[in-house]
Protein backbone atom coordinates (compact mmCIF):
# COMPACT_ATOMS: atom_id res chain seq x y z
CA MET A 1 21.09 -75.04 39.48
CA ILE A 2 24.10 -74.06 41.55
CA TYR A 3 26.39 -76.34 39.47
CA GLU A 4 26.10 -77.47 35.87
CA LEU A 5 28.86 -79.84 34.75
CA ALA A 6 29.23 -80.82 31.10
CA GLN A 7 31.70 -83.24 29.47
CA LEU A 8 33.86 -83.10 32.59
CA ARG A 9 37.07 -85.14 32.51
CA GLN A 10 40.06 -85.28 34.82
CA VAL A 11 43.21 -87.11 33.74
CA TYR A 12 46.31 -87.76 35.85
CA ASN A 13 49.45 -89.05 34.10
CA GLY A 14 47.41 -90.38 31.20
CA ARG A 15 44.86 -92.12 33.43
CA THR A 16 41.26 -90.89 33.36
CA VAL A 17 40.01 -90.71 36.94
CA LEU A 18 36.79 -88.84 36.26
CA ASP A 19 34.54 -88.78 33.20
CA ILE A 20 31.09 -87.25 33.71
CA PRO A 21 29.15 -86.18 30.61
CA ARG A 22 26.52 -84.31 32.64
CA LEU A 23 25.78 -83.47 36.26
CA ASP A 24 23.46 -80.78 37.61
CA ILE A 25 23.36 -79.93 41.33
CA GLU A 26 20.35 -78.02 42.60
CA GLU A 27 20.80 -75.08 44.92
CA GLY A 28 19.76 -75.93 48.46
CA GLU A 29 19.85 -79.71 48.06
CA VAL A 30 21.83 -82.35 49.93
CA LEU A 31 23.51 -84.65 47.41
CA ALA A 32 25.35 -87.79 48.53
CA LEU A 33 28.02 -89.46 46.42
CA VAL A 34 28.80 -93.08 47.23
CA GLY A 35 31.10 -95.67 45.74
CA PRO A 36 34.28 -97.61 46.45
CA SER A 37 37.66 -96.03 47.10
CA GLY A 38 39.29 -94.73 43.94
CA ALA A 39 35.95 -94.11 42.22
CA GLY A 40 36.66 -90.39 41.72
CA LYS A 41 34.53 -88.97 44.53
CA SER A 42 37.23 -86.85 46.18
CA THR A 43 38.48 -85.70 42.78
CA LEU A 44 35.00 -84.44 41.98
CA LEU A 45 34.89 -82.53 45.26
CA ARG A 46 38.21 -80.85 44.48
CA LEU A 47 36.87 -79.76 41.10
CA LEU A 48 33.67 -78.45 42.67
CA ASN A 49 35.78 -76.42 45.10
CA PHE A 50 37.94 -75.08 42.23
CA LEU A 51 41.06 -76.56 43.82
CA GLU A 52 41.91 -78.13 40.46
CA THR A 53 41.28 -77.26 36.84
CA PRO A 54 39.54 -80.01 34.85
CA THR A 55 41.42 -81.58 31.96
CA ALA A 56 38.34 -81.03 29.81
CA GLY A 57 34.76 -79.89 30.15
CA ILE A 58 32.86 -77.10 31.82
CA ILE A 59 31.96 -76.34 35.43
CA CYS A 60 29.25 -73.70 35.52
CA PHE A 61 28.67 -72.19 38.98
CA ALA A 62 25.54 -70.12 39.59
CA GLY A 63 25.21 -69.44 35.89
CA GLN A 64 28.85 -68.47 35.43
CA ALA A 65 31.13 -70.59 33.27
CA GLY A 66 34.65 -70.17 32.09
CA GLY A 67 38.19 -70.49 33.36
CA ALA A 68 39.52 -70.31 36.88
CA ALA A 69 36.93 -69.17 39.39
CA SER A 70 37.37 -65.76 40.93
CA LEU A 71 38.20 -65.33 44.61
CA ALA A 72 34.64 -64.12 45.20
CA VAL A 73 33.26 -67.37 43.71
CA ARG A 74 35.72 -69.65 45.51
CA ARG A 75 34.83 -68.05 48.85
CA GLN A 76 31.24 -69.23 48.39
CA VAL A 77 32.40 -72.87 48.51
CA THR A 78 34.00 -74.58 51.52
CA THR A 79 35.28 -78.13 51.96
CA VAL A 80 35.59 -80.16 55.15
CA PHE A 81 38.07 -82.96 54.59
CA GLN A 82 38.15 -86.38 56.22
CA ARG A 83 41.41 -85.52 58.00
CA PRO A 84 41.23 -81.81 58.77
CA ILE A 85 44.40 -79.79 59.05
CA LEU A 86 44.21 -77.36 61.96
CA GLN A 87 46.57 -74.55 62.84
CA ARG A 88 48.77 -74.77 65.91
CA ALA A 89 46.52 -72.31 67.68
CA SER A 90 43.45 -72.27 69.87
CA VAL A 91 40.12 -73.69 68.83
CA GLN A 92 38.75 -70.15 68.70
CA ALA A 93 41.57 -68.96 66.43
CA ASN A 94 41.08 -71.91 64.08
CA VAL A 95 37.36 -71.32 63.72
CA GLY A 96 37.85 -67.61 63.09
CA TYR A 97 40.54 -68.08 60.45
CA GLY A 98 38.26 -67.71 57.44
CA LEU A 99 36.64 -64.61 58.87
CA ARG A 100 40.02 -62.99 59.46
CA LEU A 101 41.06 -63.72 55.87
CA ARG A 102 37.95 -61.88 54.73
CA GLY A 103 38.64 -58.92 57.00
CA LEU A 104 35.56 -59.61 59.10
CA LYS A 105 35.05 -59.50 62.86
CA VAL A 106 35.37 -62.84 64.61
CA ASP A 107 33.94 -62.33 68.09
CA GLY A 108 30.22 -63.04 68.04
CA GLN A 109 30.12 -65.37 65.06
CA VAL A 110 32.85 -67.65 66.38
CA ASP A 111 31.23 -67.91 69.82
CA ASP A 112 27.87 -68.73 68.25
CA VAL A 113 29.16 -71.49 65.98
CA LEU A 114 31.29 -73.00 68.76
CA ALA A 115 28.12 -73.27 70.83
CA GLU A 116 26.36 -74.96 67.91
CA VAL A 117 29.06 -77.64 67.67
CA GLY A 118 29.29 -78.02 71.45
CA LEU A 119 32.86 -76.73 71.79
CA GLN A 120 32.32 -73.45 73.59
CA ASP A 121 34.07 -74.77 76.71
CA LEU A 122 37.17 -75.64 74.64
CA ALA A 123 37.45 -72.31 72.82
CA ARG A 124 40.82 -71.43 74.34
CA HIS A 125 42.29 -74.92 74.21
CA ALA A 126 45.00 -75.78 71.70
CA ALA A 127 43.47 -77.52 68.69
CA GLN A 128 46.18 -80.22 68.72
CA THR A 129 45.02 -81.43 72.15
CA LEU A 130 41.55 -82.39 70.92
CA SER A 131 40.17 -85.81 70.12
CA GLY A 132 39.47 -86.84 66.53
CA GLY A 133 35.77 -86.10 66.85
CA GLU A 134 36.42 -82.71 68.40
CA MET A 135 38.90 -81.81 65.66
CA GLN A 136 36.31 -82.74 63.04
CA ARG A 137 33.80 -80.48 64.77
CA VAL A 138 36.34 -77.64 64.76
CA ALA A 139 36.82 -78.12 61.01
CA LEU A 140 33.06 -78.08 60.46
CA ALA A 141 32.69 -74.97 62.63
CA ARG A 142 35.45 -73.26 60.64
CA ALA A 143 33.48 -73.98 57.47
CA LEU A 144 30.09 -72.96 58.85
CA VAL A 145 31.19 -69.66 60.38
CA VAL A 146 31.81 -68.11 56.94
CA GLU A 147 28.25 -69.09 55.90
CA PRO A 148 29.18 -70.79 52.63
CA ARG A 149 26.73 -71.11 49.79
CA VAL A 150 28.06 -74.63 49.14
CA LEU A 151 29.43 -77.05 51.75
CA LEU A 152 31.49 -79.97 50.42
CA LEU A 153 32.05 -82.84 52.84
CA ASP A 154 34.59 -85.61 52.25
CA GLU A 155 33.82 -88.47 54.65
CA PRO A 156 33.11 -86.03 57.52
CA THR A 157 32.32 -88.73 60.09
CA ALA A 158 34.72 -91.52 59.11
CA ASN A 159 36.11 -93.37 62.16
CA LEU A 160 34.08 -91.28 64.61
CA ASP A 161 32.03 -92.63 67.50
CA PRO A 162 28.21 -92.67 67.28
CA TYR A 163 27.86 -89.55 69.44
CA ASN A 164 30.02 -87.44 67.13
CA VAL A 165 28.43 -88.95 64.01
CA ALA A 166 24.96 -87.96 65.24
CA LEU A 167 26.11 -84.49 66.26
CA ILE A 168 27.80 -83.74 62.95
CA GLU A 169 24.92 -85.13 60.90
CA ASN A 170 22.49 -82.93 62.83
CA LEU A 171 24.67 -79.87 62.19
CA ILE A 172 24.70 -80.64 58.45
CA ARG A 173 20.93 -81.13 58.43
CA GLU A 174 20.28 -77.89 60.31
CA GLN A 175 22.69 -75.88 58.15
CA ASN A 176 20.84 -77.03 55.07
CA ARG A 177 17.40 -76.46 56.57
CA LYS A 178 18.01 -73.06 58.17
CA LYS A 179 20.47 -71.48 55.76
CA GLY A 180 19.57 -73.25 52.51
CA THR A 181 23.20 -74.31 52.10
CA THR A 182 23.86 -76.70 49.24
CA VAL A 183 25.63 -79.79 50.59
CA VAL A 184 27.57 -82.35 48.57
CA LEU A 185 28.51 -85.28 50.77
CA VAL A 186 31.02 -88.01 49.91
CA THR A 187 30.48 -91.01 52.16
CA HIS A 188 31.11 -94.75 52.34
CA ASN A 189 28.24 -94.96 54.84
CA VAL A 190 25.08 -95.78 52.87
CA PHE A 191 22.97 -95.29 56.00
CA GLN A 192 24.33 -91.75 56.28
CA ALA A 193 23.35 -91.08 52.68
CA LYS A 194 19.84 -92.35 53.45
CA ARG A 195 19.57 -90.12 56.51
CA LEU A 196 20.85 -86.90 54.96
CA ALA A 197 20.55 -86.79 51.19
CA ARG A 198 17.66 -85.89 48.93
CA ARG A 199 19.51 -87.42 45.97
CA THR A 200 22.26 -90.02 45.86
CA GLY A 201 24.70 -90.87 43.10
CA LEU A 202 27.02 -93.83 42.55
CA LEU A 203 30.51 -93.25 41.16
CA LEU A 204 32.43 -96.22 39.76
CA GLY A 205 35.72 -95.94 37.91
CA GLY A 206 35.24 -92.20 37.51
CA ALA A 207 31.80 -92.58 35.90
CA LEU A 208 28.49 -91.50 37.39
CA VAL A 209 26.61 -94.78 37.08
CA GLU A 210 23.30 -93.62 38.53
CA LEU A 211 21.82 -90.53 40.18
CA ALA A 212 18.32 -90.55 41.65
CA ASP A 213 16.17 -89.51 44.58
CA THR A 214 17.62 -91.29 47.58
CA ALA A 215 14.60 -93.51 48.25
CA HIS A 216 14.50 -94.62 44.61
CA PHE A 217 18.28 -95.07 44.49
CA PHE A 218 18.26 -97.54 47.37
CA ASN A 219 14.87 -99.20 46.89
CA ALA A 220 14.50 -99.39 43.12
CA PRO A 221 17.81 -98.70 41.37
CA CYS A 222 17.83 -98.77 37.59
CA ASP A 223 21.39 -99.96 37.01
CA ALA A 224 22.53 -103.48 37.90
CA ARG A 225 25.76 -102.09 39.34
CA THR A 226 23.79 -99.85 41.70
CA SER A 227 21.69 -102.83 42.75
CA ALA A 228 24.86 -104.77 43.52
CA PHE A 229 26.31 -101.86 45.46
CA VAL A 230 23.27 -101.28 47.67
CA ARG A 231 23.12 -105.03 48.39
CA GLY A 232 26.66 -104.81 49.70
CA GLU A 233 28.23 -106.86 46.94
CA MET A 234 31.72 -106.12 45.65
CA VAL A 235 31.52 -103.99 42.52
CA TYR A 236 35.17 -102.94 42.13
């Protein structure tokens, strides 16, 4: 297991937004988390990326448990957010940012990953001049270039056109297949979960209602709330 979560709770201003007694994430898997807005999905991603400290419980990463994760541990985990924040710099400079922070060379790696995401011709363009889909690809390239052990994705294709959705999904699939990168994907798109994930989990009201192999999750769910969700019924 790359993650082992036990008795995890996150409370904001007296309101419990996440309460997960147990969650194990296998190294090298693609795990999709679905559920309505406000279910706790993004909060869970922030905890997995050590951006927040849980109110209670344990997050064990690669067999290590305890307090705040070290810099070495946090650099193994990268998040791509739904609305990426890019520097006022070139595409090339944005993609190489993580490498520069680590004191590594940026030349060959940046060129290679820009080619993978189809942005090599825009390398010297200002990031702020790009379309939404192109900016999302820059953010994904910035994450991939540092070769993370874990890639966390928060609605990475929301509001994108079909071309960019297909391109980004293929990049995620290939990163997992070729590099063995563990991927945790938050998505409202149940079809995307079906296409990418080996396992899928439903979060409702901060609780993990059901977690199963993706085919079983969608075709033979055990919980009535999961059944309602996959049928498209309102379960808020």
